[in-house]
């Protein structure tokens, strides 16, 4: 069996890797497709150093994003219970439901933090009362916020 060749990708290639990734491929695939199309370059000591620098920069960027998410989590937990006003009918039943957009708007107005509504998980809310809402700020950081559904005055 032939020896595999190490290359650094210049563009994203599905099922192989992303730009800047160090990959090992069959010599024919490299010689006949990747190199002539300009999709990859052969590895040299200089290019390997560039790849390491890029990886370190990406790792630092991801670490900064996680620290930012931790700070947002602390700010959300300090905000305490958030109140959402809804129109009420019989037996404390609300008209409609509390949506994740409602929660995002309340968070924005109270704390000033911009939270993506798609990262908010709201339980089924059809009555007045207290509920817990989960917010995914980062793949490793989850925040829990208490909301109080109150009647609209």
C-alpha atoms as a PDB file:
ATOM      1  CA  UNK A   1       0.000   0.000   0.000  1.00  0.00           C
ATOM      2  CA  UNK A   2       1.267   3.461  -0.916  1.00  0.00           C
ATOM      3  CA  UNK A   3       2.441   5.988   1.627  1.00  0.00           C
ATOM      4  CA  UNK A   4       0.054   8.829   2.478  1.00  0.00           C
ATOM      5  CA  UNK A   5       0.926  12.485   1.854  1.00  0.00           C
ATOM      6  CA  UNK A   6       0.439  15.361   4.289  1.00  0.00           C
ATOM      7  CA  UNK A   7      -1.154  18.502   2.891  1.00  0.00           C
ATOM      8  CA  UNK A   8      -2.583  21.746   4.237  1.00  0.00           C
ATOM      9  CA  UNK A   9      -6.009  22.643   2.848  1.00  0.00           C
ATOM     10  CA  UNK A  10      -6.499  26.057   1.255  1.00  0.00           C
ATOM     11  CA  UNK A  11     -10.292  25.690   0.981  1.00  0.00           C
ATOM     12  CA  UNK A  12     -13.016  23.770   2.818  1.00  0.00           C
ATOM     13  CA  UNK A  13     -13.533  20.314   1.337  1.00  0.00           C
ATOM     14  CA  UNK A  14     -16.495  18.259   2.511  1.00  0.00           C
ATOM     15  CA  UNK A  15     -15.591  14.961   4.201  1.00  0.00           C
ATOM     16  CA  UNK A  16     -11.910  15.976   4.313  1.00  0.00           C
ATOM     17  CA  UNK A  17     -11.455  19.154   6.332  1.00  0.00           C
ATOM     18  CA  UNK A  18     -11.607  22.900   6.634  1.00  0.00           C
ATOM     19  CA  UNK A  19      -9.291  25.656   5.461  1.00  0.00           C
ATOM     20  CA  UNK A  20      -5.942  25.452   7.248  1.00  0.00           C
ATOM     21  CA  UNK A  21      -6.371  21.835   8.388  1.00  0.00           C
ATOM     22  CA  UNK A  22      -3.459  19.430   8.134  1.00  0.00           C
ATOM     23  CA  UNK A  23      -4.692  16.262   6.382  1.00  0.00           C
ATOM     24  CA  UNK A  24      -3.211  12.996   5.159  1.00  0.00           C
ATOM     25  CA  UNK A  25      -4.460  11.786   1.789  1.00  0.00           C
ATOM     26  CA  UNK A  26      -3.572   9.179  -0.806  1.00  0.00           C
ATOM     27  CA  UNK A  27      -0.807  10.295  -3.180  1.00  0.00           C
ATOM     28  CA  UNK A  28      -3.038   9.960  -6.262  1.00  0.00           C
ATOM     29  CA  UNK A  29      -5.776  12.142  -4.735  1.00  0.00           C
ATOM     30  CA  UNK A  30      -3.197  14.791  -3.870  1.00  0.00           C
ATOM     31  CA  UNK A  31      -1.329  14.629  -7.196  1.00  0.00           C
ATOM     32  CA  UNK A  32      -4.357  14.387  -9.490  1.00  0.00           C
ATOM     33  CA  UNK A  33      -6.946  16.573  -7.775  1.00  0.00           C
ATOM     34  CA  UNK A  34      -6.020  18.612  -4.694  1.00  0.00           C
ATOM     35  CA  UNK A  35      -2.719  20.107  -5.862  1.00  0.00           C
ATOM     36  CA  UNK A  36      -3.674  20.933  -9.500  1.00  0.00           C
ATOM     37  CA  UNK A  37      -6.972  22.514  -8.401  1.00  0.00           C
ATOM     38  CA  UNK A  38      -5.134  24.653  -5.825  1.00  0.00           C
ATOM     39  CA  UNK A  39      -7.222  23.198  -2.996  1.00  0.00           C
ATOM     40  CA  UNK A  40      -4.182  22.194  -0.937  1.00  0.00           C
ATOM     41  CA  UNK A  41      -0.426  22.780  -0.628  1.00  0.00           C
ATOM     42  CA  UNK A  42       2.385  20.443   0.357  1.00  0.00           C
ATOM     43  CA  UNK A  43       3.598  20.707   3.912  1.00  0.00           C
ATOM     44  CA  UNK A  44       6.898  22.415   4.664  1.00  0.00           C
ATOM     45  CA  UNK A  45       8.340  23.424   8.047  1.00  0.00           C
ATOM     46  CA  UNK A  46       7.203  27.022   7.426  1.00  0.00           C
ATOM     47  CA  UNK A  47       3.656  26.004   6.563  1.00  0.00           C
ATOM     48  CA  UNK A  48       3.495  23.728   9.618  1.00  0.00           C
ATOM     49  CA  UNK A  49       4.458  26.710  11.794  1.00  0.00           C
ATOM     50  CA  UNK A  50       1.678  28.769  10.161  1.00  0.00           C
ATOM     51  CA  UNK A  51      -0.823  25.979  10.868  1.00  0.00           C
ATOM     52  CA  UNK A  52       0.238  25.899  14.542  1.00  0.00           C
ATOM     53  CA  UNK A  53      -0.078  29.693  14.835  1.00  0.00           C
ATOM     54  CA  UNK A  54      -3.577  29.560  13.311  1.00  0.00           C
ATOM     55  CA  UNK A  55      -4.632  26.780  15.676  1.00  0.00           C
ATOM     56  CA  UNK A  56      -3.349  28.727  18.676  1.00  0.00           C
ATOM     57  CA  UNK A  57      -5.133  31.898  17.530  1.00  0.00           C
ATOM     58  CA  UNK A  58      -8.380  29.934  17.053  1.00  0.00           C
ATOM     59  CA  UNK A  59      -7.999  28.345  20.494  1.00  0.00           C
ATOM     60  CA  UNK A  60      -7.519  31.794  22.057  1.00  0.00           C
ATOM     61  CA  UNK A  61     -10.578  33.129  20.217  1.00  0.00           C
ATOM     62  CA  UNK A  62     -12.725  30.244  21.465  1.00  0.00           C
ATOM     63  CA  UNK A  63     -11.427  30.788  25.007  1.00  0.00           C
ATOM     64  CA  UNK A  64     -12.415  34.479  24.797  1.00  0.00           C
ATOM     65  CA  UNK A  65     -15.915  33.528  23.609  1.00  0.00           C
ATOM     66  CA  UNK A  66     -16.286  31.170  26.571  1.00  0.00           C
ATOM     67  CA  UNK A  67     -15.127  33.870  29.029  1.00  0.00           C
ATOM     68  CA  UNK A  68     -17.642  36.277  27.491  1.00  0.00           C
ATOM     69  CA  UNK A  69     -20.414  33.699  27.911  1.00  0.00           C
ATOM     70  CA  UNK A  70     -19.414  33.153  31.565  1.00  0.00           C
ATOM     71  CA  UNK A  71     -19.647  36.909  32.165  1.00  0.00           C
ATOM     72  CA  UNK A  72     -23.103  36.983  30.544  1.00  0.00           C
ATOM     73  CA  UNK A  73     -24.198  34.081  32.749  1.00  0.00           C
ATOM     74  CA  UNK A  74     -23.156  35.972  35.895  1.00  0.00           C
ATOM     75  CA  UNK A  75     -24.973  39.109  34.699  1.00  0.00           C
ATOM     76  CA  UNK A  76     -28.159  37.142  33.952  1.00  0.00           C
ATOM     77  CA  UNK A  77     -28.127  35.420  37.334  1.00  0.00           C
ATOM     78  CA  UNK A  78     -27.604  38.750  39.112  1.00  0.00           C
ATOM     79  CA  UNK A  79     -30.646  40.203  37.334  1.00  0.00           C
ATOM     80  CA  UNK A  80     -32.884  38.054  39.521  1.00  0.00           C
ATOM     81  CA  UNK A  81     -36.481  37.342  38.591  1.00  0.00           C
ATOM     82  CA  UNK A  82     -37.703  38.942  35.380  1.00  0.00           C
ATOM     83  CA  UNK A  83     -41.354  39.927  34.976  1.00  0.00           C
ATOM     84  CA  UNK A  84     -43.320  39.347  31.786  1.00  0.00           C
ATOM     85  CA  UNK A  85     -46.789  40.912  31.537  1.00  0.00           C
ATOM     86  CA  UNK A  86     -49.528  39.053  29.677  1.00  0.00           C
ATOM     87  CA  UNK A  87     -53.254  39.553  29.240  1.00  0.00           C
ATOM     88  CA  UNK A  88     -55.164  37.229  31.598  1.00  0.00           C
ATOM     89  CA  UNK A  89     -58.498  35.421  31.281  1.00  0.00           C
ATOM     90  CA  UNK A  90     -60.371  33.101  33.650  1.00  0.00           C
ATOM     91  CA  UNK A  91     -58.553  30.997  36.266  1.00  0.00           C
ATOM     92  CA  UNK A  92     -55.274  32.896  35.746  1.00  0.00           C
ATOM     93  CA  UNK A  93     -54.949  31.556  32.210  1.00  0.00           C
ATOM     94  CA  UNK A  94     -53.025  33.852  29.871  1.00  0.00           C
ATOM     95  CA  UNK A  95     -54.015  34.628  26.307  1.00  0.00           C
ATOM     96  CA  UNK A  96     -51.446  33.095  24.004  1.00  0.00           C
ATOM     97  CA  UNK A  97     -48.177  31.900  25.478  1.00  0.00           C
ATOM     98  CA  UNK A  98     -44.808  33.242  26.563  1.00  0.00           C
ATOM     99  CA  UNK A  99     -42.374  32.894  23.671  1.00  0.00           C
ATOM    100  CA  UNK A 100     -38.600  32.883  23.621  1.00  0.00           C
ATOM    101  CA  UNK A 101     -38.768  36.279  21.877  1.00  0.00           C
ATOM    102  CA  UNK A 102     -40.696  37.687  24.869  1.00  0.00           C
ATOM    103  CA  UNK A 103     -37.951  36.424  27.191  1.00  0.00           C
ATOM    104  CA  UNK A 104     -35.202  37.838  24.934  1.00  0.00           C
ATOM    105  CA  UNK A 105     -36.942  41.249  24.899  1.00  0.00           C
ATOM    106  CA  UNK A 106     -37.253  41.316  28.713  1.00  0.00           C
ATOM    107  CA  UNK A 107     -33.594  40.346  29.137  1.00  0.00           C
ATOM    108  CA  UNK A 108     -32.597  43.076  26.674  1.00  0.00           C
ATOM    109  CA  UNK A 109     -34.626  45.741  28.485  1.00  0.00           C
ATOM    110  CA  UNK A 110     -33.577  44.767  32.036  1.00  0.00           C
ATOM    111  CA  UNK A 111     -29.903  43.802  31.662  1.00  0.00           C
ATOM    112  CA  UNK A 112     -28.980  45.343  28.320  1.00  0.00           C
ATOM    113  CA  UNK A 113     -27.592  41.980  27.142  1.00  0.00           C
ATOM    114  CA  UNK A 114     -28.360  40.848  23.617  1.00  0.00           C
ATOM    115  CA  UNK A 115     -29.415  37.174  23.795  1.00  0.00           C
ATOM    116  CA  UNK A 116     -30.262  35.183  20.677  1.00  0.00           C
ATOM    117  CA  UNK A 117     -33.876  34.004  20.942  1.00  0.00           C
ATOM    118  CA  UNK A 118     -32.974  30.646  19.360  1.00  0.00           C
ATOM    119  CA  UNK A 119     -30.730  29.832  22.318  1.00  0.00           C
ATOM    120  CA  UNK A 120     -33.594  30.243  24.821  1.00  0.00           C
ATOM    121  CA  UNK A 121     -35.633  27.225  25.936  1.00  0.00           C
ATOM    122  CA  UNK A 122     -39.008  28.199  27.383  1.00  0.00           C
ATOM    123  CA  UNK A 123     -41.306  25.609  29.018  1.00  0.00           C
ATOM    124  CA  UNK A 124     -45.002  25.506  28.115  1.00  0.00           C
ATOM    125  CA  UNK A 125     -46.488  28.529  29.900  1.00  0.00           C
ATOM    126  CA  UNK A 126     -50.259  28.973  29.904  1.00  0.00           C
ATOM    127  CA  UNK A 127     -50.891  30.371  33.397  1.00  0.00           C
ATOM    128  CA  UNK A 128     -49.559  33.071  35.684  1.00  0.00           C
ATOM    129  CA  UNK A 129     -46.691  32.099  37.970  1.00  0.00           C
ATOM    130  CA  UNK A 130     -42.940  31.522  38.206  1.00  0.00           C
ATOM    131  CA  UNK A 131     -41.012  29.520  35.646  1.00  0.00           C
ATOM    132  CA  UNK A 132     -37.379  28.641  34.903  1.00  0.00           C
ATOM    133  CA  UNK A 133     -35.979  29.402  31.472  1.00  0.00           C
ATOM    134  CA  UNK A 134     -32.710  27.909  30.182  1.00  0.00           C
ATOM    135  CA  UNK A 135     -30.396  29.917  27.954  1.00  0.00           C
ATOM    136  CA  UNK A 136     -27.512  28.351  26.043  1.00  0.00           C
ATOM    137  CA  UNK A 137     -24.870  31.072  25.868  1.00  0.00           C
ATOM    138  CA  UNK A 138     -22.036  28.823  24.643  1.00  0.00           C
ATOM    139  CA  UNK A 139     -21.741  25.090  23.931  1.00  0.00           C
ATOM    140  CA  UNK A 140     -20.292  24.676  27.445  1.00  0.00           C
ATOM    141  CA  UNK A 141     -22.170  27.467  29.284  1.00  0.00           C
ATOM    142  CA  UNK A 142     -25.849  27.309  30.263  1.00  0.00           C
ATOM    143  CA  UNK A 143     -27.668  29.966  32.297  1.00  0.00           C
ATOM    144  CA  UNK A 144     -30.948  29.592  34.150  1.00  0.00           C
ATOM    145  CA  UNK A 145     -33.234  32.597  34.570  1.00  0.00           C
ATOM    146  CA  UNK A 146     -36.380  32.861  36.695  1.00  0.00           C
ATOM    147  CA  UNK A 147     -39.308  34.593  35.031  1.00  0.00           C
ATOM    148  CA  UNK A 148     -42.544  35.706  36.654  1.00  0.00           C
ATOM    149  CA  UNK A 149     -45.618  35.868  34.424  1.00  0.00           C
ATOM    150  CA  UNK A 150     -47.836  38.675  35.771  1.00  0.00           C
ATOM    151  CA  UNK A 151     -51.187  40.083  34.605  1.00  0.00           C
ATOM    152  CA  UNK A 152     -51.135  43.054  32.245  1.00  0.00           C
ATOM    153  CA  UNK A 153     -52.430  46.211  33.918  1.00  0.00           C
END
